[in-house]
Amino acid sequence: ERDITFRNIPEIKEITVSTFVPAGLKDPNVLIVARAVLLAM
């Protein structure tokens, strides 16, 4: 940990959004819906 100064103020770098749907193995439509939801968000 480094002390916060005017040179290293914490900021948002990136955000990762993921989803895990095991039901997509039987029904591929679940994966399509999950991908469409993440695309819209």
PDB file of all heavy atoms in Angstrom:
ATOM      1  N   GLU A   1       0.833  -1.203   0.000  1.00  0.00           N
ATOM      2  CA  GLU A   1       0.000   0.000   0.000  1.00  0.00           C
ATOM      3  C   GLU A   1       0.871   1.258   0.000  1.00  0.00           C
ATOM      4  O   GLU A   1       1.824   1.374   0.784  1.00  0.00           O
ATOM      5  CB  GLU A   1      -0.916   0.004   1.222  1.00  0.00           C
ATOM      6  CG  GLU A   1      -1.839   1.205   1.281  1.00  0.00           C
ATOM      7  CD  GLU A   1      -2.739   1.168   2.490  1.00  0.00           C
ATOM      8  OE1 GLU A   1      -2.669   0.179   3.254  1.00  0.00           O
ATOM      9  OE2 GLU A   1      -3.512   2.118   2.686  1.00  0.00           O
ATOM     10  N   ARG A   2       0.537   2.186  -0.848  1.00  0.00           N
ATOM     11  CA  ARG A   2       1.224   3.474  -0.920  1.00  0.00           C
ATOM     12  C   ARG A   2       0.287   4.585  -0.441  1.00  0.00           C
ATOM     13  O   ARG A   2      -0.924   4.516  -0.638  1.00  0.00           O
ATOM     14  CB  ARG A   2       1.683   3.774  -2.349  1.00  0.00           C
ATOM     15  CG  ARG A   2       2.745   2.809  -2.871  1.00  0.00           C
ATOM     16  CD  ARG A   2       3.177   3.214  -4.263  1.00  0.00           C
ATOM     17  NE  ARG A   2       2.059   3.127  -5.207  1.00  0.00           N
ATOM     18  CZ  ARG A   2       2.130   3.525  -6.465  1.00  0.00           C
ATOM     19  NH1 ARG A   2       3.255   4.048  -6.935  1.00  0.00           N
ATOM     20  NH2 ARG A   2       1.086   3.410  -7.261  1.00  0.00           N
ATOM     21  N   ASP A   3       0.860   5.596   0.162  1.00  0.00           N
ATOM     22  CA  ASP A   3       0.058   6.712   0.640  1.00  0.00           C
ATOM     23  C   ASP A   3      -0.548   7.460  -0.550  1.00  0.00           C
ATOM     24  O   ASP A   3       0.083   7.625  -1.598  1.00  0.00           O
ATOM     25  CB  ASP A   3       0.912   7.669   1.468  1.00  0.00           C
ATOM     26  CG  ASP A   3       1.430   7.013   2.738  1.00  0.00           C
ATOM     27  OD1 ASP A   3       0.797   6.030   3.185  1.00  0.00           O
ATOM     28  OD2 ASP A   3       2.463   7.468   3.271  1.00  0.00           O
ATOM     29  N   ILE A   4      -1.778   7.938  -0.364  1.00  0.00           N
ATOM     30  CA  ILE A   4      -2.479   8.676  -1.417  1.00  0.00           C
ATOM     31  C   ILE A   4      -1.937  10.102  -1.472  1.00  0.00           C
ATOM     32  O   ILE A   4      -1.978  10.835  -0.476  1.00  0.00           O
ATOM     33  CB  ILE A   4      -3.995   8.681  -1.168  1.00  0.00           C
ATOM     34  CG1 ILE A   4      -4.547   7.252  -1.231  1.00  0.00           C
ATOM     35  CG2 ILE A   4      -4.714   9.560  -2.184  1.00  0.00           C
ATOM     36  CD1 ILE A   4      -6.029   7.163  -0.959  1.00  0.00           C
ATOM     37  N   THR A   5      -1.431  10.488  -2.599  1.00  0.00           N
ATOM     38  CA  THR A   5      -0.972  11.850  -2.855  1.00  0.00           C
ATOM     39  C   THR A   5      -1.654  12.355  -4.120  1.00  0.00           C
ATOM     40  O   THR A   5      -2.483  11.663  -4.718  1.00  0.00           O
ATOM     41  CB  THR A   5       0.555  11.901  -3.015  1.00  0.00           C
ATOM     42  OG1 THR A   5       0.936  11.105  -4.157  1.00  0.00           O
ATOM     43  CG2 THR A   5       1.250  11.351  -1.774  1.00  0.00           C
ATOM     44  N   PHE A   6      -1.289  13.568  -4.514  1.00  0.00           N
ATOM     45  CA  PHE A   6      -1.883  14.116  -5.728  1.00  0.00           C
ATOM     46  C   PHE A   6      -1.402  13.389  -6.980  1.00  0.00           C
ATOM     47  O   PHE A   6      -1.945  13.602  -8.069  1.00  0.00           O
ATOM     48  CB  PHE A   6      -1.553  15.611  -5.846  1.00  0.00           C
ATOM     49  CG  PHE A   6      -0.103  15.898  -6.110  1.00  0.00           C
ATOM     50  CD1 PHE A   6       0.338  16.154  -7.406  1.00  0.00           C
ATOM     51  CD2 PHE A   6       0.822  15.916  -5.088  1.00  0.00           C
ATOM     52  CE1 PHE A   6       1.673  16.403  -7.665  1.00  0.00           C
ATOM     53  CE2 PHE A   6       2.153  16.187  -5.343  1.00  0.00           C
ATOM     54  CZ  PHE A   6       2.586  16.432  -6.626  1.00  0.00           C
ATOM     55  N   ARG A   7      -0.400  12.538  -6.846  1.00  0.00           N
ATOM     56  CA  ARG A   7       0.127  11.816  -7.990  1.00  0.00           C
ATOM     57  C   ARG A   7      -0.558  10.467  -8.213  1.00  0.00           C
ATOM     58  O   ARG A   7      -0.531   9.950  -9.334  1.00  0.00           O
ATOM     59  CB  ARG A   7       1.637  11.586  -7.840  1.00  0.00           C
ATOM     60  CG  ARG A   7       2.448  12.870  -7.749  1.00  0.00           C
ATOM     61  CD  ARG A   7       3.922  12.565  -7.630  1.00  0.00           C
ATOM     62  NE  ARG A   7       4.704  13.768  -7.452  1.00  0.00           N
ATOM     63  CZ  ARG A   7       5.169  14.515  -8.453  1.00  0.00           C
ATOM     64  NH1 ARG A   7       4.925  14.173  -9.696  1.00  0.00           N
ATOM     65  NH2 ARG A   7       5.881  15.599  -8.196  1.00  0.00           N
ATOM     66  N   ASN A   8      -1.115   9.877  -7.159  1.00  0.00           N
ATOM     67  CA  ASN A   8      -1.689   8.528  -7.284  1.00  0.00           C
ATOM     68  C   ASN A   8      -3.043   8.446  -6.596  1.00  0.00           C
ATOM     69  O   ASN A   8      -3.271   7.591  -5.744  1.00  0.00           O
ATOM     70  CB  ASN A   8      -0.721   7.478  -6.711  1.00  0.00           C
ATOM     71  CG  ASN A   8      -0.412   7.724  -5.250  1.00  0.00           C
ATOM     72  OD1 ASN A   8      -0.652   8.806  -4.737  1.00  0.00           O
ATOM     73  ND2 ASN A   8       0.103   6.724  -4.563  1.00  0.00           N
ATOM     74  N   ILE A   9      -3.957   9.349  -6.953  1.00  0.00           N
ATOM     75  CA  ILE A   9      -5.316   9.288  -6.407  1.00  0.00           C
ATOM     76  C   ILE A   9      -6.032   8.107  -7.054  1.00  0.00           C
ATOM     77  O   ILE A   9      -6.011   7.957  -8.281  1.00  0.00           O
ATOM     78  CB  ILE A   9      -6.064  10.595  -6.685  1.00  0.00           C
ATOM     79  CG1 ILE A   9      -5.328  11.776  -6.037  1.00  0.00           C
ATOM     80  CG2 ILE A   9      -7.496  10.526  -6.168  1.00  0.00           C
ATOM     81  CD1 ILE A   9      -5.945  13.106  -6.321  1.00  0.00           C
ATOM     82  N   PRO A  10      -6.662   7.223  -6.272  1.00  0.00           N
ATOM     83  CA  PRO A  10      -7.326   6.046  -6.866  1.00  0.00           C
ATOM     84  C   PRO A  10      -8.437   6.450  -7.834  1.00  0.00           C
ATOM     85  O   PRO A  10      -9.200   7.389  -7.588  1.00  0.00           O
ATOM     86  CB  PRO A  10      -7.880   5.309  -5.644  1.00  0.00           C
ATOM     87  CG  PRO A  10      -7.061   5.780  -4.501  1.00  0.00           C
ATOM     88  CD  PRO A  10      -6.703   7.201  -4.801  1.00  0.00           C
ATOM     89  N   GLU A  11      -8.527   5.746  -8.937  1.00  0.00           N
ATOM     90  CA  GLU A  11      -9.556   5.956  -9.947  1.00  0.00           C
ATOM     91  C   GLU A  11     -10.087   4.613 -10.424  1.00  0.00           C
ATOM     92  O   GLU A  11      -9.500   3.561 -10.147  1.00  0.00           O
ATOM     93  CB  GLU A  11      -9.014   6.748 -11.141  1.00  0.00           C
ATOM     94  CG  GLU A  11      -8.633   8.185 -10.829  1.00  0.00           C
ATOM     95  CD  GLU A  11      -8.262   8.947 -12.082  1.00  0.00           C
ATOM     96  OE1 GLU A  11      -8.680   8.503 -13.184  1.00  0.00           O
ATOM     97  OE2 GLU A  11      -7.568   9.970 -11.977  1.00  0.00           O
ATOM     98  N   ILE A  12     -11.185   4.674 -11.168  1.00  0.00           N
ATOM     99  CA  ILE A  12     -11.757   3.468 -11.777  1.00  0.00           C
ATOM    100  C   ILE A  12     -10.972   3.155 -13.048  1.00  0.00           C
ATOM    101  O   ILE A  12     -10.855   4.001 -13.946  1.00  0.00           O
ATOM    102  CB  ILE A  12     -13.241   3.671 -12.096  1.00  0.00           C
ATOM    103  CG1 ILE A  12     -14.018   4.003 -10.813  1.00  0.00           C
ATOM    104  CG2 ILE A  12     -13.833   2.418 -12.740  1.00  0.00           C
ATOM    105  CD1 ILE A  12     -14.000   2.930  -9.773  1.00  0.00           C
ATOM    106  N   LYS A  13     -10.444   1.959 -13.125  1.00  0.00           N
ATOM    107  CA  LYS A  13      -9.645   1.568 -14.278  1.00  0.00           C
ATOM    108  C   LYS A  13     -10.470   0.785 -15.295  1.00  0.00           C
ATOM    109  O   LYS A  13     -10.460   1.089 -16.488  1.00  0.00           O
ATOM    110  CB  LYS A  13      -8.440   0.739 -13.824  1.00  0.00           C
ATOM    111  CG  LYS A  13      -7.429   0.470 -14.927  1.00  0.00           C
ATOM    112  CD  LYS A  13      -6.204  -0.247 -14.371  1.00  0.00           C
ATOM    113  CE  LYS A  13      -5.163  -0.471 -15.459  1.00  0.00           C
ATOM    114  NZ  LYS A  13      -3.969  -1.180 -14.916  1.00  0.00           N
ATOM    115  N   GLU A  14     -11.175  -0.240 -14.836  1.00  0.00           N
ATOM    116  CA  GLU A  14     -12.012  -1.057 -15.727  1.00  0.00           C
ATOM    117  C   GLU A  14     -13.030  -1.808 -14.891  1.00  0.00           C
ATOM    118  O   GLU A  14     -12.871  -1.955 -13.671  1.00  0.00           O
ATOM    119  CB  GLU A  14     -11.162  -2.038 -16.546  1.00  0.00           C
ATOM    120  CG  GLU A  14     -10.433  -3.054 -15.701  1.00  0.00           C
ATOM    121  CD  GLU A  14      -9.525  -3.953 -16.511  1.00  0.00           C
ATOM    122  OE1 GLU A  14      -8.787  -3.440 -17.364  1.00  0.00           O
ATOM    123  OE2 GLU A  14      -9.567  -5.186 -16.269  1.00  0.00           O
ATOM    124  N   ILE A  15     -14.082  -2.261 -15.548  1.00  0.00           N
ATOM    125  CA  ILE A  15     -15.137  -3.037 -14.895  1.00  0.00           C
ATOM    126  C   ILE A  15     -15.421  -4.259 -15.758  1.00  0.00           C
ATOM    127  O   ILE A  15     -15.667  -4.126 -16.968  1.00  0.00           O
ATOM    128  CB  ILE A  15     -16.417  -2.211 -14.701  1.00  0.00           C
ATOM    129  CG1 ILE A  15     -16.153  -1.019 -13.778  1.00  0.00           C
ATOM    130  CG2 ILE A  15     -17.541  -3.060 -14.137  1.00  0.00           C
ATOM    131  CD1 ILE A  15     -17.362  -0.136 -13.562  1.00  0.00           C
ATOM    132  N   THR A  16     -15.384  -5.428 -15.146  1.00  0.00           N
ATOM    133  CA  THR A  16     -15.653  -6.685 -15.837  1.00  0.00           C
ATOM    134  C   THR A  16     -16.988  -7.232 -15.349  1.00  0.00           C
ATOM    135  O   THR A  16     -17.196  -7.394 -14.138  1.00  0.00           O
ATOM    136  CB  THR A  16     -14.539  -7.706 -15.580  1.00  0.00           C
ATOM    137  OG1 THR A  16     -13.291  -7.169 -16.042  1.00  0.00           O
ATOM    138  CG2 THR A  16     -14.812  -9.004 -16.322  1.00  0.00           C
ATOM    139  N   VAL A  17     -17.881  -7.501 -16.286  1.00  0.00           N
ATOM    140  CA  VAL A  17     -19.198  -8.071 -15.978  1.00  0.00           C
ATOM    141  C   VAL A  17     -19.248  -9.458 -16.608  1.00  0.00           C
ATOM    142  O   VAL A  17     -19.058  -9.603 -17.824  1.00  0.00           O
ATOM    143  CB  VAL A  17     -20.332  -7.182 -16.517  1.00  0.00           C
ATOM    144  CG1 VAL A  17     -21.685  -7.738 -16.107  1.00  0.00           C
ATOM    145  CG2 VAL A  17     -20.175  -5.748 -16.035  1.00  0.00           C
ATOM    146  N   SER A  18     -19.488 -10.468 -15.797  1.00  0.00           N
ATOM    147  CA  SER A  18     -19.505 -11.855 -16.274  1.00  0.00           C
ATOM    148  C   SER A  18     -20.729 -12.562 -15.735  1.00  0.00           C
ATOM    149  O   SER A  18     -21.307 -12.163 -14.711  1.00  0.00           O
ATOM    150  CB  SER A  18     -18.230 -12.596 -15.833  1.00  0.00           C
ATOM    151  OG  SER A  18     -18.132 -12.605 -14.422  1.00  0.00           O
ATOM    152  N   THR A  19     -21.117 -13.610 -16.415  1.00  0.00           N
ATOM    153  CA  THR A  19     -22.250 -14.437 -15.990  1.00  0.00           C
ATOM    154  C   THR A  19     -21.925 -15.895 -16.262  1.00  0.00           C
ATOM    155  O   THR A  19     -21.201 -16.219 -17.219  1.00  0.00           O
ATOM    156  CB  THR A  19     -23.535 -14.027 -16.726  1.00  0.00           C
ATOM    157  OG1 THR A  19     -24.606 -14.863 -16.302  1.00  0.00           O
ATOM    158  CG2 THR A  19     -23.381 -14.154 -18.223  1.00  0.00           C
ATOM    159  N   PHE A  20     -22.451 -16.767 -15.401  1.00  0.00           N
ATOM    160  CA  PHE A  20     -22.218 -18.205 -15.505  1.00  0.00           C
ATOM    161  C   PHE A  20     -23.569 -18.897 -15.538  1.00  0.00           C
ATOM    162  O   PHE A  20     -24.370 -18.788 -14.594  1.00  0.00           O
ATOM    163  CB  PHE A  20     -21.389 -18.689 -14.311  1.00  0.00           C
ATOM    164  CG  PHE A  20     -21.193 -20.175 -14.270  1.00  0.00           C
ATOM    165  CD1 PHE A  20     -20.463 -20.820 -15.251  1.00  0.00           C
ATOM    166  CD2 PHE A  20     -21.738 -20.920 -13.242  1.00  0.00           C
ATOM    167  CE1 PHE A  20     -20.282 -22.193 -15.208  1.00  0.00           C
ATOM    168  CE2 PHE A  20     -21.560 -22.285 -13.187  1.00  0.00           C
ATOM    169  CZ  PHE A  20     -20.833 -22.925 -14.174  1.00  0.00           C
ATOM    170  N   VAL A  21     -23.863 -19.550 -16.646  1.00  0.00           N
ATOM    171  CA  VAL A  21     -25.159 -20.211 -16.839  1.00  0.00           C
ATOM    172  C   VAL A  21     -24.913 -21.663 -17.260  1.00  0.00           C
ATOM    173  O   VAL A  21     -24.773 -21.969 -18.449  1.00  0.00           O
ATOM    174  CB  VAL A  21     -26.015 -19.459 -17.884  1.00  0.00           C
ATOM    175  CG1 VAL A  21     -26.639 -18.236 -17.271  1.00  0.00           C
ATOM    176  CG2 VAL A  21     -25.181 -19.048 -19.094  1.00  0.00           C
ATOM    177  N   PRO A  22     -24.832 -22.595 -16.307  1.00  0.00           N
ATOM    178  CA  PRO A  22     -24.640 -24.007 -16.672  1.00  0.00           C
ATOM    179  C   PRO A  22     -25.803 -24.570 -17.467  1.00  0.00           C
ATOM    180  O   PRO A  22     -25.634 -25.557 -18.210  1.00  0.00           O
ATOM    181  CB  PRO A  22     -24.499 -24.709 -15.315  1.00  0.00           C
ATOM    182  CG  PRO A  22     -24.201 -23.639 -14.333  1.00  0.00           C
ATOM    183  CD  PRO A  22     -24.850 -22.407 -14.856  1.00  0.00           C
ATOM    184  N   ALA A  23     -26.986 -23.956 -17.342  1.00  0.00           N
ATOM    185  CA  ALA A  23     -28.139 -24.468 -18.096  1.00  0.00           C
ATOM    186  C   ALA A  23     -27.971 -24.278 -19.595  1.00  0.00           C
ATOM    187  O   ALA A  23     -28.721 -24.868 -20.381  1.00  0.00           O
ATOM    188  CB  ALA A  23     -29.417 -23.765 -17.632  1.00  0.00           C
ATOM    189  N   GLY A  24     -26.996 -23.488 -20.003  1.00  0.00           N
ATOM    190  CA  GLY A  24     -26.766 -23.300 -21.435  1.00  0.00           C
ATOM    191  C   GLY A  24     -26.230 -24.523 -22.131  1.00  0.00           C
ATOM    192  O   GLY A  24     -26.239 -24.576 -23.371  1.00  0.00           O
ATOM    193  N   LEU A  25     -25.752 -25.514 -21.387  1.00  0.00           N
ATOM    194  CA  LEU A  25     -25.290 -26.739 -22.018  1.00  0.00           C
ATOM    195  C   LEU A  25     -26.450 -27.511 -22.633  1.00  0.00           C
ATOM    196  O   LEU A  25     -26.301 -28.157 -23.678  1.00  0.00           O
ATOM    197  CB  LEU A  25     -24.556 -27.606 -20.994  1.00  0.00           C
ATOM    198  CG  LEU A  25     -23.268 -27.015 -20.411  1.00  0.00           C
ATOM    199  CD1 LEU A  25     -22.710 -27.927 -19.344  1.00  0.00           C
ATOM    200  CD2 LEU A  25     -22.243 -26.792 -21.520  1.00  0.00           C
ATOM    201  N   LYS A  26     -27.613 -27.450 -21.978  1.00  0.00           N
ATOM    202  CA  LYS A  26     -28.779 -28.159 -22.516  1.00  0.00           C
ATOM    203  C   LYS A  26     -29.607 -27.281 -23.448  1.00  0.00           C
ATOM    204  O   LYS A  26     -30.129 -27.768 -24.456  1.00  0.00           O
ATOM    205  CB  LYS A  26     -29.652 -28.652 -21.356  1.00  0.00           C
ATOM    206  CG  LYS A  26     -28.995 -29.707 -20.495  1.00  0.00           C
ATOM    207  CD  LYS A  26     -29.967 -30.198 -19.430  1.00  0.00           C
ATOM    208  CE  LYS A  26     -29.342 -31.309 -18.593  1.00  0.00           C
ATOM    209  NZ  LYS A  26     -30.281 -31.811 -17.553  1.00  0.00           N
ATOM    210  N   ASP A  27     -29.727 -26.004 -23.104  1.00  0.00           N
ATOM    211  CA  ASP A  27     -30.543 -25.096 -23.905  1.00  0.00           C
ATOM    212  C   ASP A  27     -29.668 -23.933 -24.379  1.00  0.00           C
ATOM    213  O   ASP A  27     -29.330 -23.036 -23.590  1.00  0.00           O
ATOM    214  CB  ASP A  27     -31.720 -24.579 -23.063  1.00  0.00           C
ATOM    215  CG  ASP A  27     -32.712 -23.788 -23.914  1.00  0.00           C
ATOM    216  OD1 ASP A  27     -32.492 -23.670 -25.135  1.00  0.00           O
ATOM    217  OD2 ASP A  27     -33.709 -23.274 -23.340  1.00  0.00           O
ATOM    218  N   PRO A  28     -29.260 -23.919 -25.630  1.00  0.00           N
ATOM    219  CA  PRO A  28     -28.402 -22.809 -26.121  1.00  0.00           C
ATOM    220  C   PRO A  28     -29.086 -21.454 -26.067  1.00  0.00           C
ATOM    221  O   PRO A  28     -28.403 -20.420 -26.095  1.00  0.00           O
ATOM    222  CB  PRO A  28     -28.087 -23.225 -27.560  1.00  0.00           C
ATOM    223  CG  PRO A  28     -28.349 -24.687 -27.624  1.00  0.00           C
ATOM    224  CD  PRO A  28     -29.459 -24.943 -26.663  1.00  0.00           C
ATOM    225  N   ASN A  29     -30.419 -21.415 -26.003  1.00  0.00           N
ATOM    226  CA  ASN A  29     -31.108 -20.133 -25.937  1.00  0.00           C
ATOM    227  C   ASN A  29     -30.778 -19.369 -24.654  1.00  0.00           C
ATOM    228  O   ASN A  29     -30.832 -18.136 -24.633  1.00  0.00           O
ATOM    229  CB  ASN A  29     -32.618 -20.339 -26.034  1.00  0.00           C
ATOM    230  CG  ASN A  29     -33.031 -20.907 -27.382  1.00  0.00           C
ATOM    231  OD1 ASN A  29     -32.402 -20.622 -28.406  1.00  0.00           O
ATOM    232  ND2 ASN A  29     -34.079 -21.720 -27.396  1.00  0.00           N
ATOM    233  N   VAL A  30     -30.425 -20.078 -23.592  1.00  0.00           N
ATOM    234  CA  VAL A  30     -30.063 -19.415 -22.343  1.00  0.00           C
ATOM    235  C   VAL A  30     -28.783 -18.600 -22.532  1.00  0.00           C
ATOM    236  O   VAL A  30     -28.649 -17.479 -22.022  1.00  0.00           O
ATOM    237  CB  VAL A  30     -29.904 -20.452 -21.220  1.00  0.00           C
ATOM    238  CG1 VAL A  30     -29.488 -19.780 -19.920  1.00  0.00           C
ATOM    239  CG2 VAL A  30     -31.192 -21.218 -21.027  1.00  0.00           C
ATOM    240  N   LEU A  31     -27.837 -19.133 -23.280  1.00  0.00           N
ATOM    241  CA  LEU A  31     -26.600 -18.396 -23.555  1.00  0.00           C
ATOM    242  C   LEU A  31     -26.868 -17.176 -24.423  1.00  0.00           C
ATOM    243  O   LEU A  31     -26.254 -16.120 -24.234  1.00  0.00           O
ATOM    244  CB  LEU A  31     -25.583 -19.319 -24.234  1.00  0.00           C
ATOM    245  CG  LEU A  31     -24.974 -20.427 -23.365  1.00  0.00           C
ATOM    246  CD1 LEU A  31     -24.120 -21.343 -24.229  1.00  0.00           C
ATOM    247  CD2 LEU A  31     -24.134 -19.823 -22.256  1.00  0.00           C
ATOM    248  N   ILE A  32     -27.779 -17.310 -25.370  1.00  0.00           N
ATOM    249  CA  ILE A  32     -28.104 -16.175 -26.239  1.00  0.00           C
ATOM    250  C   ILE A  32     -28.741 -15.047 -25.429  1.00  0.00           C
ATOM    251  O   ILE A  32     -28.406 -13.865 -25.604  1.00  0.00           O
ATOM    252  CB  ILE A  32     -29.026 -16.628 -27.381  1.00  0.00           C
ATOM    253  CG1 ILE A  32     -28.310 -17.663 -28.258  1.00  0.00           C
ATOM    254  CG2 ILE A  32     -29.485 -15.445 -28.210  1.00  0.00           C
ATOM    255  CD1 ILE A  32     -29.172 -18.249 -29.345  1.00  0.00           C
ATOM    256  N   VAL A  33     -29.646 -15.400 -24.516  1.00  0.00           N
ATOM    257  CA  VAL A  33     -30.284 -14.385 -23.675  1.00  0.00           C
ATOM    258  C   VAL A  33     -29.261 -13.738 -22.745  1.00  0.00           C
ATOM    259  O   VAL A  33     -29.261 -12.513 -22.552  1.00  0.00           O
ATOM    260  CB  VAL A  33     -31.445 -15.007 -22.887  1.00  0.00           C
ATOM    261  CG1 VAL A  33     -32.005 -14.008 -21.890  1.00  0.00           C
ATOM    262  CG2 VAL A  33     -32.532 -15.486 -23.834  1.00  0.00           C
ATOM    263  N   ALA A  34     -28.374 -14.545 -22.160  1.00  0.00           N
ATOM    264  CA  ALA A  34     -27.362 -13.999 -21.259  1.00  0.00           C
ATOM    265  C   ALA A  34     -26.440 -13.034 -21.991  1.00  0.00           C
ATOM    266  O   ALA A  34     -26.084 -11.965 -21.474  1.00  0.00           O
ATOM    267  CB  ALA A  34     -26.558 -15.140 -20.635  1.00  0.00           C
ATOM    268  N   ARG A  35     -26.076 -13.383 -23.203  1.00  0.00           N
ATOM    269  CA  ARG A  35     -25.199 -12.488 -23.973  1.00  0.00           C
ATOM    270  C   ARG A  35     -25.923 -11.204 -24.368  1.00  0.00           C
ATOM    271  O   ARG A  35     -25.335 -10.123 -24.349  1.00  0.00           O
ATOM    272  CB  ARG A  35     -24.697 -13.222 -25.215  1.00  0.00           C
ATOM    273  CG  ARG A  35     -23.590 -12.488 -25.947  1.00  0.00           C
ATOM    274  CD  ARG A  35     -23.117 -13.256 -27.144  1.00  0.00           C
ATOM    275  NE  ARG A  35     -21.968 -12.615 -27.753  1.00  0.00           N
ATOM    276  CZ  ARG A  35     -21.418 -13.006 -28.901  1.00  0.00           C
ATOM    277  NH1 ARG A  35     -21.931 -14.053 -29.546  1.00  0.00           N
ATOM    278  NH2 ARG A  35     -20.380 -12.369 -29.399  1.00  0.00           N
ATOM    279  N   ALA A  36     -27.203 -11.317 -24.713  1.00  0.00           N
ATOM    280  CA  ALA A  36     -27.969 -10.122 -25.072  1.00  0.00           C
ATOM    281  C   ALA A  36     -28.159  -9.200 -23.875  1.00  0.00           C
ATOM    282  O   ALA A  36     -28.116  -7.968 -24.015  1.00  0.00           O
ATOM    283  CB  ALA A  36     -29.317 -10.525 -25.654  1.00  0.00           C
ATOM    284  N   VAL A  37     -28.350  -9.762 -22.689  1.00  0.00           N
ATOM    285  CA  VAL A  37     -28.520  -8.944 -21.485  1.00  0.00           C
ATOM    286  C   VAL A  37     -27.238  -8.191 -21.161  1.00  0.00           C
ATOM    287  O   VAL A  37     -27.244  -6.987 -20.867  1.00  0.00           O
ATOM    288  CB  VAL A  37     -28.975  -9.827 -20.309  1.00  0.00           C
ATOM    289  CG1 VAL A  37     -28.903  -9.049 -19.000  1.00  0.00           C
ATOM    290  CG2 VAL A  37     -30.380 -10.328 -20.536  1.00  0.00           C
ATOM    291  N   LEU A  38     -26.097  -8.873 -21.220  1.00  0.00           N
ATOM    292  CA  LEU A  38     -24.824  -8.207 -20.947  1.00  0.00           C
ATOM    293  C   LEU A  38     -24.513  -7.152 -21.997  1.00  0.00           C
ATOM    294  O   LEU A  38     -23.941  -6.100 -21.677  1.00  0.00           O
ATOM    295  CB  LEU A  38     -23.700  -9.242 -20.884  1.00  0.00           C
ATOM    296  CG  LEU A  38     -23.256  -9.654 -19.473  1.00  0.00           C
ATOM    297  CD1 LEU A  38     -24.394 -10.343 -18.745  1.00  0.00           C
ATOM    298  CD2 LEU A  38     -22.032 -10.554 -19.526  1.00  0.00           C
ATOM    299  N   LEU A  39     -24.870  -7.414 -23.242  1.00  0.00           N
ATOM    300  CA  LEU A  39     -24.663  -6.419 -24.296  1.00  0.00           C
ATOM    301  C   LEU A  39     -25.497  -5.173 -24.052  1.00  0.00           C
ATOM    302  O   LEU A  39     -25.027  -4.046 -24.252  1.00  0.00           O
ATOM    303  CB  LEU A  39     -24.993  -7.032 -25.656  1.00  0.00           C
ATOM    304  CG  LEU A  39     -24.946  -6.108 -26.869  1.00  0.00           C
ATOM    305  CD1 LEU A  39     -23.571  -5.513 -27.031  1.00  0.00           C
ATOM    306  CD2 LEU A  39     -25.366  -6.848 -28.127  1.00  0.00           C
ATOM    307  N   ALA A  40     -26.732  -5.354 -23.597  1.00  0.00           N
ATOM    308  CA  ALA A  40     -27.582  -4.195 -23.327  1.00  0.00           C
ATOM    309  C   ALA A  40     -27.100  -3.426 -22.103  1.00  0.00           C
ATOM    310  O   ALA A  40     -27.155  -2.191 -22.069  1.00  0.00           O
ATOM    311  CB  ALA A  40     -29.033  -4.651 -23.126  1.00  0.00           C
ATOM    312  N   MET A  41     -26.599  -4.115 -21.095  1.00  0.00           N
ATOM    313  CA  MET A  41     -26.170  -3.450 -19.865  1.00  0.00           C
ATOM    314  C   MET A  41     -24.903  -2.630 -20.066  1.00  0.00           C
ATOM    315  O   MET A  41     -24.796  -1.502 -19.572  1.00  0.00           O
ATOM    316  CB  MET A  41     -25.943  -4.497 -18.766  1.00  0.00           C
ATOM    317  CG  MET A  41     -27.203  -5.142 -18.244  1.00  0.00           C
ATOM    318  SD  MET A  41     -26.846  -6.564 -17.188  1.00  0.00           S
ATOM    319  CE  MET A  41     -25.655  -5.883 -16.043  1.00  0.00           C
TER     320      MET A  41
END
